[in-house]
């Protein structure tokens, strides 16, 4: 099993197809991604190459930095995989779907790989990998020094300012609709 943060490329696609390698393409709401990214770089990974740059910035300024330097590239990353992933060898899922209905979504992914796992074993795997089990905290109980900071969906609503909303609508609005996060570009927190 590999866990990669690679953009789709013709070479990556050829390798996966040549090896007949099944894979999952996992997406997350980019608005939550930026909030988690900021906390990870500033509070958790002090060796991250951007730690020195971001550690003196407020969360709002960190979101500005992400929008200016990374948002368009992240939109391209997601679109690249969605448009080019192999229709038989791959399956998509969203982080939010895994959080909302973990057992059902995880079972769907395990089934995609042709694995036979009993319901009891699946429930145990889900339980032992849950936010609560791994962190010994309830969802929403924040630990800013942990990679598993808060364990919730939609935290962007607590962080975004009007300028962030407008920038995301402009640069990622259509993608948020395509991925089912929004129905139109009139969204607010």
C-alpha atoms as a PDB file:
ATOM      1  CA  UNK A   1       0.000   0.000   0.000  1.00  0.00           C
ATOM      2  CA  UNK A   2       1.287   3.428  -0.912  1.00  0.00           C
ATOM      3  CA  UNK A   3       0.096   6.796   0.329  1.00  0.00           C
ATOM      4  CA  UNK A   4       1.103   9.459  -2.145  1.00  0.00           C
ATOM      5  CA  UNK A   5       0.537  13.144  -2.625  1.00  0.00           C
ATOM      6  CA  UNK A   6       1.446  13.157  -6.294  1.00  0.00           C
ATOM      7  CA  UNK A   7      -0.255  15.064  -9.044  1.00  0.00           C
ATOM      8  CA  UNK A   8      -1.610  13.042 -11.918  1.00  0.00           C
ATOM      9  CA  UNK A   9       0.745  12.824 -14.869  1.00  0.00           C
ATOM     10  CA  UNK A  10       0.825  10.653 -17.978  1.00  0.00           C
ATOM     11  CA  UNK A  11       3.811   8.810 -16.479  1.00  0.00           C
ATOM     12  CA  UNK A  12       1.977   8.136 -13.204  1.00  0.00           C
ATOM     13  CA  UNK A  13      -1.062   6.940 -15.132  1.00  0.00           C
ATOM     14  CA  UNK A  14       1.029   4.620 -17.323  1.00  0.00           C
ATOM     15  CA  UNK A  15       2.803   3.104 -14.327  1.00  0.00           C
ATOM     16  CA  UNK A  16      -0.448   2.392 -12.487  1.00  0.00           C
ATOM     17  CA  UNK A  17      -2.015   0.928 -15.625  1.00  0.00           C
ATOM     18  CA  UNK A  18       1.052  -1.133 -16.576  1.00  0.00           C
ATOM     19  CA  UNK A  19       1.193  -2.611 -13.071  1.00  0.00           C
ATOM     20  CA  UNK A  20      -2.598  -3.133 -13.093  1.00  0.00           C
ATOM     21  CA  UNK A  21      -2.559  -1.348  -9.731  1.00  0.00           C
ATOM     22  CA  UNK A  22      -5.883  -0.456  -8.172  1.00  0.00           C
ATOM     23  CA  UNK A  23      -5.959   2.831  -6.298  1.00  0.00           C
ATOM     24  CA  UNK A  24      -8.168   5.220  -4.374  1.00  0.00           C
ATOM     25  CA  UNK A  25      -8.231   8.920  -5.169  1.00  0.00           C
ATOM     26  CA  UNK A  26      -9.180  10.771  -1.991  1.00  0.00           C
ATOM     27  CA  UNK A  27     -10.352  14.381  -2.003  1.00  0.00           C
ATOM     28  CA  UNK A  28     -11.113  16.779   0.800  1.00  0.00           C
ATOM     29  CA  UNK A  29     -12.904  20.105   0.817  1.00  0.00           C
ATOM     30  CA  UNK A  30     -10.080  22.516  -0.001  1.00  0.00           C
ATOM     31  CA  UNK A  31     -11.480  25.019   2.477  1.00  0.00           C
ATOM     32  CA  UNK A  32     -10.880  22.569   5.316  1.00  0.00           C
ATOM     33  CA  UNK A  33      -7.596  21.507   3.749  1.00  0.00           C
ATOM     34  CA  UNK A  34      -6.158  25.018   4.051  1.00  0.00           C
ATOM     35  CA  UNK A  35      -7.121  25.322   7.729  1.00  0.00           C
ATOM     36  CA  UNK A  36      -5.566  21.941   8.544  1.00  0.00           C
ATOM     37  CA  UNK A  37      -2.508  22.756   6.442  1.00  0.00           C
ATOM     38  CA  UNK A  38      -1.901  25.984   8.340  1.00  0.00           C
ATOM     39  CA  UNK A  39      -2.124  24.278  11.737  1.00  0.00           C
ATOM     40  CA  UNK A  40       0.048  21.375  10.598  1.00  0.00           C
ATOM     41  CA  UNK A  41       2.822  23.615   9.254  1.00  0.00           C
ATOM     42  CA  UNK A  42       2.790  26.102  12.127  1.00  0.00           C
ATOM     43  CA  UNK A  43       2.057  23.889  15.152  1.00  0.00           C
ATOM     44  CA  UNK A  44       2.941  20.269  14.332  1.00  0.00           C
ATOM     45  CA  UNK A  45       5.727  19.974  11.767  1.00  0.00           C
ATOM     46  CA  UNK A  46       8.425  22.405  12.846  1.00  0.00           C
ATOM     47  CA  UNK A  47      10.741  20.971  10.155  1.00  0.00           C
ATOM     48  CA  UNK A  48       8.315  21.756   7.329  1.00  0.00           C
ATOM     49  CA  UNK A  49      10.007  23.964   4.752  1.00  0.00           C
ATOM     50  CA  UNK A  50       7.344  26.650   5.259  1.00  0.00           C
ATOM     51  CA  UNK A  51       7.327  26.606   9.060  1.00  0.00           C
ATOM     52  CA  UNK A  52       9.549  29.689   9.395  1.00  0.00           C
ATOM     53  CA  UNK A  53       7.517  31.565   6.795  1.00  0.00           C
ATOM     54  CA  UNK A  54       4.118  30.801   8.305  1.00  0.00           C
ATOM     55  CA  UNK A  55       4.740  30.636  12.044  1.00  0.00           C
ATOM     56  CA  UNK A  56       4.499  34.408  12.422  1.00  0.00           C
ATOM     57  CA  UNK A  57       1.293  34.641  10.397  1.00  0.00           C
ATOM     58  CA  UNK A  58      -2.194  34.570  11.858  1.00  0.00           C
ATOM     59  CA  UNK A  59      -4.596  31.917  10.594  1.00  0.00           C
ATOM     60  CA  UNK A  60      -6.248  34.500   8.320  1.00  0.00           C
ATOM     61  CA  UNK A  61      -2.845  35.483   6.896  1.00  0.00           C
ATOM     62  CA  UNK A  62      -1.937  31.811   6.491  1.00  0.00           C
ATOM     63  CA  UNK A  63      -5.099  31.262   4.476  1.00  0.00           C
ATOM     64  CA  UNK A  64      -4.137  34.257   2.322  1.00  0.00           C
ATOM     65  CA  UNK A  65      -0.704  32.683   1.760  1.00  0.00           C
ATOM     66  CA  UNK A  66      -2.262  29.358   0.713  1.00  0.00           C
ATOM     67  CA  UNK A  67      -4.672  31.066  -1.653  1.00  0.00           C
ATOM     68  CA  UNK A  68      -1.865  33.058  -3.249  1.00  0.00           C
ATOM     69  CA  UNK A  69       0.672  30.223  -3.544  1.00  0.00           C
ATOM     70  CA  UNK A  70      -1.193  26.894  -3.586  1.00  0.00           C
ATOM     71  CA  UNK A  71      -4.920  27.025  -4.271  1.00  0.00           C
ATOM     72  CA  UNK A  72      -4.769  27.023  -8.074  1.00  0.00           C
ATOM     73  CA  UNK A  73      -2.271  24.164  -8.010  1.00  0.00           C
ATOM     74  CA  UNK A  74      -4.503  22.149  -5.658  1.00  0.00           C
ATOM     75  CA  UNK A  75      -7.499  22.698  -7.946  1.00  0.00           C
ATOM     76  CA  UNK A  76      -5.392  21.455 -10.874  1.00  0.00           C
ATOM     77  CA  UNK A  77      -4.251  18.435  -8.802  1.00  0.00           C
ATOM     78  CA  UNK A  78      -7.830  17.380  -8.102  1.00  0.00           C
ATOM     79  CA  UNK A  79      -9.005  18.020 -11.653  1.00  0.00           C
ATOM     80  CA  UNK A  80      -6.008  16.115 -13.027  1.00  0.00           C
ATOM     81  CA  UNK A  81      -6.903  12.974 -11.091  1.00  0.00           C
ATOM     82  CA  UNK A  82     -10.634  13.279 -11.725  1.00  0.00           C
ATOM     83  CA  UNK A  83     -10.199  13.732 -15.466  1.00  0.00           C
ATOM     84  CA  UNK A  84      -7.487  11.126 -15.968  1.00  0.00           C
ATOM     85  CA  UNK A  85      -7.888   8.408 -13.372  1.00  0.00           C
ATOM     86  CA  UNK A  86      -8.415   4.932 -14.760  1.00  0.00           C
ATOM     87  CA  UNK A  87     -12.155   4.120 -14.791  1.00  0.00           C
ATOM     88  CA  UNK A  88     -11.652   0.473 -13.745  1.00  0.00           C
ATOM     89  CA  UNK A  89      -8.477   0.567 -11.656  1.00  0.00           C
ATOM     90  CA  UNK A  90      -9.488   3.525  -9.512  1.00  0.00           C
ATOM     91  CA  UNK A  91     -12.265   4.727  -7.267  1.00  0.00           C
ATOM     92  CA  UNK A  92     -12.917   8.147  -5.778  1.00  0.00           C
ATOM     93  CA  UNK A  93     -13.947   9.027  -2.281  1.00  0.00           C
ATOM     94  CA  UNK A  94     -14.160  12.168  -0.226  1.00  0.00           C
ATOM     95  CA  UNK A  95     -12.798  12.615   3.275  1.00  0.00           C
ATOM     96  CA  UNK A  96     -16.193  13.949   4.297  1.00  0.00           C
ATOM     97  CA  UNK A  97     -17.911  10.749   3.140  1.00  0.00           C
ATOM     98  CA  UNK A  98     -15.454   8.693   5.148  1.00  0.00           C
ATOM     99  CA  UNK A  99     -16.211  10.817   8.207  1.00  0.00           C
ATOM    100  CA  UNK A 100     -19.991  10.846   7.745  1.00  0.00           C
ATOM    101  CA  UNK A 101     -20.509   7.138   7.161  1.00  0.00           C
ATOM    102  CA  UNK A 102     -17.186   5.504   7.902  1.00  0.00           C
ATOM    103  CA  UNK A 103     -18.256   1.868   7.964  1.00  0.00           C
ATOM    104  CA  UNK A 104     -20.261   2.034   4.730  1.00  0.00           C
ATOM    105  CA  UNK A 105     -17.638   4.015   2.808  1.00  0.00           C
ATOM    106  CA  UNK A 106     -14.700   1.967   4.093  1.00  0.00           C
ATOM    107  CA  UNK A 107     -16.597  -1.237   3.212  1.00  0.00           C
ATOM    108  CA  UNK A 108     -17.127   0.101  -0.315  1.00  0.00           C
ATOM    109  CA  UNK A 109     -13.398   0.761  -0.683  1.00  0.00           C
ATOM    110  CA  UNK A 110     -12.387  -2.622   0.733  1.00  0.00           C
ATOM    111  CA  UNK A 111     -14.839  -4.281  -1.647  1.00  0.00           C
ATOM    112  CA  UNK A 112     -13.338  -2.360  -4.582  1.00  0.00           C
ATOM    113  CA  UNK A 113     -10.011  -4.053  -3.838  1.00  0.00           C
ATOM    114  CA  UNK A 114     -11.722  -7.444  -3.748  1.00  0.00           C
ATOM    115  CA  UNK A 115     -10.891  -8.033  -0.102  1.00  0.00           C
ATOM    116  CA  UNK A 116     -13.122 -10.224   2.039  1.00  0.00           C
ATOM    117  CA  UNK A 117     -13.444  -8.742   5.525  1.00  0.00           C
ATOM    118  CA  UNK A 118     -16.111  -9.812   7.993  1.00  0.00           C
ATOM    119  CA  UNK A 119     -18.492  -7.201   9.354  1.00  0.00           C
ATOM    120  CA  UNK A 120     -17.067  -7.690  12.851  1.00  0.00           C
ATOM    121  CA  UNK A 121     -13.499  -7.207  11.615  1.00  0.00           C
ATOM    122  CA  UNK A 122     -14.530  -4.152   9.584  1.00  0.00           C
ATOM    123  CA  UNK A 123     -16.237  -2.605  12.604  1.00  0.00           C
ATOM    124  CA  UNK A 124     -13.139  -3.286  14.712  1.00  0.00           C
ATOM    125  CA  UNK A 125     -10.840  -1.714  12.086  1.00  0.00           C
ATOM    126  CA  UNK A 126     -13.045   1.371  11.888  1.00  0.00           C
ATOM    127  CA  UNK A 127     -13.209   1.643  15.682  1.00  0.00           C
ATOM    128  CA  UNK A 128      -9.439   1.258  16.187  1.00  0.00           C
ATOM    129  CA  UNK A 129      -8.728   3.925  13.581  1.00  0.00           C
ATOM    130  CA  UNK A 130     -11.366   6.404  14.693  1.00  0.00           C
ATOM    131  CA  UNK A 131     -10.403   9.887  15.813  1.00  0.00           C
ATOM    132  CA  UNK A 132     -11.645   9.131  19.314  1.00  0.00           C
ATOM    133  CA  UNK A 133      -9.657   5.905  19.655  1.00  0.00           C
ATOM    134  CA  UNK A 134      -6.427   7.251  18.154  1.00  0.00           C
ATOM    135  CA  UNK A 135      -6.416  10.569  20.040  1.00  0.00           C
ATOM    136  CA  UNK A 136      -8.372   9.712  23.187  1.00  0.00           C
ATOM    137  CA  UNK A 137     -10.424  12.880  22.493  1.00  0.00           C
ATOM    138  CA  UNK A 138     -13.932  13.587  21.239  1.00  0.00           C
ATOM    139  CA  UNK A 139     -14.378  15.019  17.754  1.00  0.00           C
ATOM    140  CA  UNK A 140     -14.143  18.787  18.027  1.00  0.00           C
ATOM    141  CA  UNK A 141     -11.897  18.681  21.102  1.00  0.00           C
ATOM    142  CA  UNK A 142      -8.879  20.506  19.709  1.00  0.00           C
ATOM    143  CA  UNK A 143      -5.195  19.808  20.259  1.00  0.00           C
ATOM    144  CA  UNK A 144      -3.267  22.258  18.076  1.00  0.00           C
ATOM    145  CA  UNK A 145      -0.003  20.343  18.564  1.00  0.00           C
ATOM    146  CA  UNK A 146      -1.459  17.105  17.153  1.00  0.00           C
ATOM    147  CA  UNK A 147      -1.620  16.057  13.515  1.00  0.00           C
ATOM    148  CA  UNK A 148      -5.145  14.882  14.413  1.00  0.00           C
ATOM    149  CA  UNK A 149      -6.041  18.379  15.553  1.00  0.00           C
ATOM    150  CA  UNK A 150      -9.830  18.473  15.762  1.00  0.00           C
ATOM    151  CA  UNK A 151     -11.377  15.668  13.724  1.00  0.00           C
ATOM    152  CA  UNK A 152     -14.302  17.611  12.301  1.00  0.00           C
ATOM    153  CA  UNK A 153     -15.599  18.601   8.906  1.00  0.00           C
ATOM    154  CA  UNK A 154     -16.408  22.236   8.133  1.00  0.00           C
ATOM    155  CA  UNK A 155     -13.898  23.959  10.416  1.00  0.00           C
ATOM    156  CA  UNK A 156     -13.234  26.425   7.598  1.00  0.00           C
ATOM    157  CA  UNK A 157     -16.488  28.127   8.621  1.00  0.00           C
ATOM    158  CA  UNK A 158     -14.780  29.186  11.863  1.00  0.00           C
ATOM    159  CA  UNK A 159     -11.752  30.625  10.065  1.00  0.00           C
ATOM    160  CA  UNK A 160     -12.704  32.124   6.708  1.00  0.00           C
ATOM    161  CA  UNK A 161     -13.134  35.834   6.267  1.00  0.00           C
ATOM    162  CA  UNK A 162     -15.011  37.515   3.409  1.00  0.00           C
ATOM    163  CA  UNK A 163     -11.832  37.845   1.306  1.00  0.00           C
ATOM    164  CA  UNK A 164     -11.128  34.106   1.636  1.00  0.00           C
ATOM    165  CA  UNK A 165     -14.662  33.227   0.583  1.00  0.00           C
ATOM    166  CA  UNK A 166     -14.442  35.436  -2.504  1.00  0.00           C
ATOM    167  CA  UNK A 167     -11.020  34.066  -3.477  1.00  0.00           C
ATOM    168  CA  UNK A 168     -12.208  30.466  -3.109  1.00  0.00           C
ATOM    169  CA  UNK A 169     -15.338  31.191  -5.121  1.00  0.00           C
ATOM    170  CA  UNK A 170     -13.188  32.696  -7.868  1.00  0.00           C
ATOM    171  CA  UNK A 171     -10.431  30.058  -7.936  1.00  0.00           C
ATOM    172  CA  UNK A 172     -12.194  26.904  -6.729  1.00  0.00           C
ATOM    173  CA  UNK A 173     -15.918  27.626  -6.823  1.00  0.00           C
ATOM    174  CA  UNK A 174     -16.733  25.387  -9.777  1.00  0.00           C
ATOM    175  CA  UNK A 175     -14.659  22.549  -8.329  1.00  0.00           C
ATOM    176  CA  UNK A 176     -16.487  22.778  -4.993  1.00  0.00           C
ATOM    177  CA  UNK A 177     -19.722  22.348  -6.947  1.00  0.00           C
ATOM    178  CA  UNK A 178     -18.328  19.459  -9.053  1.00  0.00           C
ATOM    179  CA  UNK A 179     -17.228  17.623  -5.905  1.00  0.00           C
ATOM    180  CA  UNK A 180     -20.613  18.126  -4.251  1.00  0.00           C
ATOM    181  CA  UNK A 181     -19.499  20.495  -1.518  1.00  0.00           C
ATOM    182  CA  UNK A 182     -21.715  23.321  -2.771  1.00  0.00           C
ATOM    183  CA  UNK A 183     -24.749  23.615  -5.030  1.00  0.00           C
ATOM    184  CA  UNK A 184     -23.759  26.989  -6.473  1.00  0.00           C
ATOM    185  CA  UNK A 185     -21.315  29.841  -5.899  1.00  0.00           C
ATOM    186  CA  UNK A 186     -23.615  31.704  -3.517  1.00  0.00           C
ATOM    187  CA  UNK A 187     -22.361  29.824  -0.450  1.00  0.00           C
ATOM    188  CA  UNK A 188     -21.473  31.411   2.864  1.00  0.00           C
ATOM    189  CA  UNK A 189     -20.124  29.866   6.065  1.00  0.00           C
END
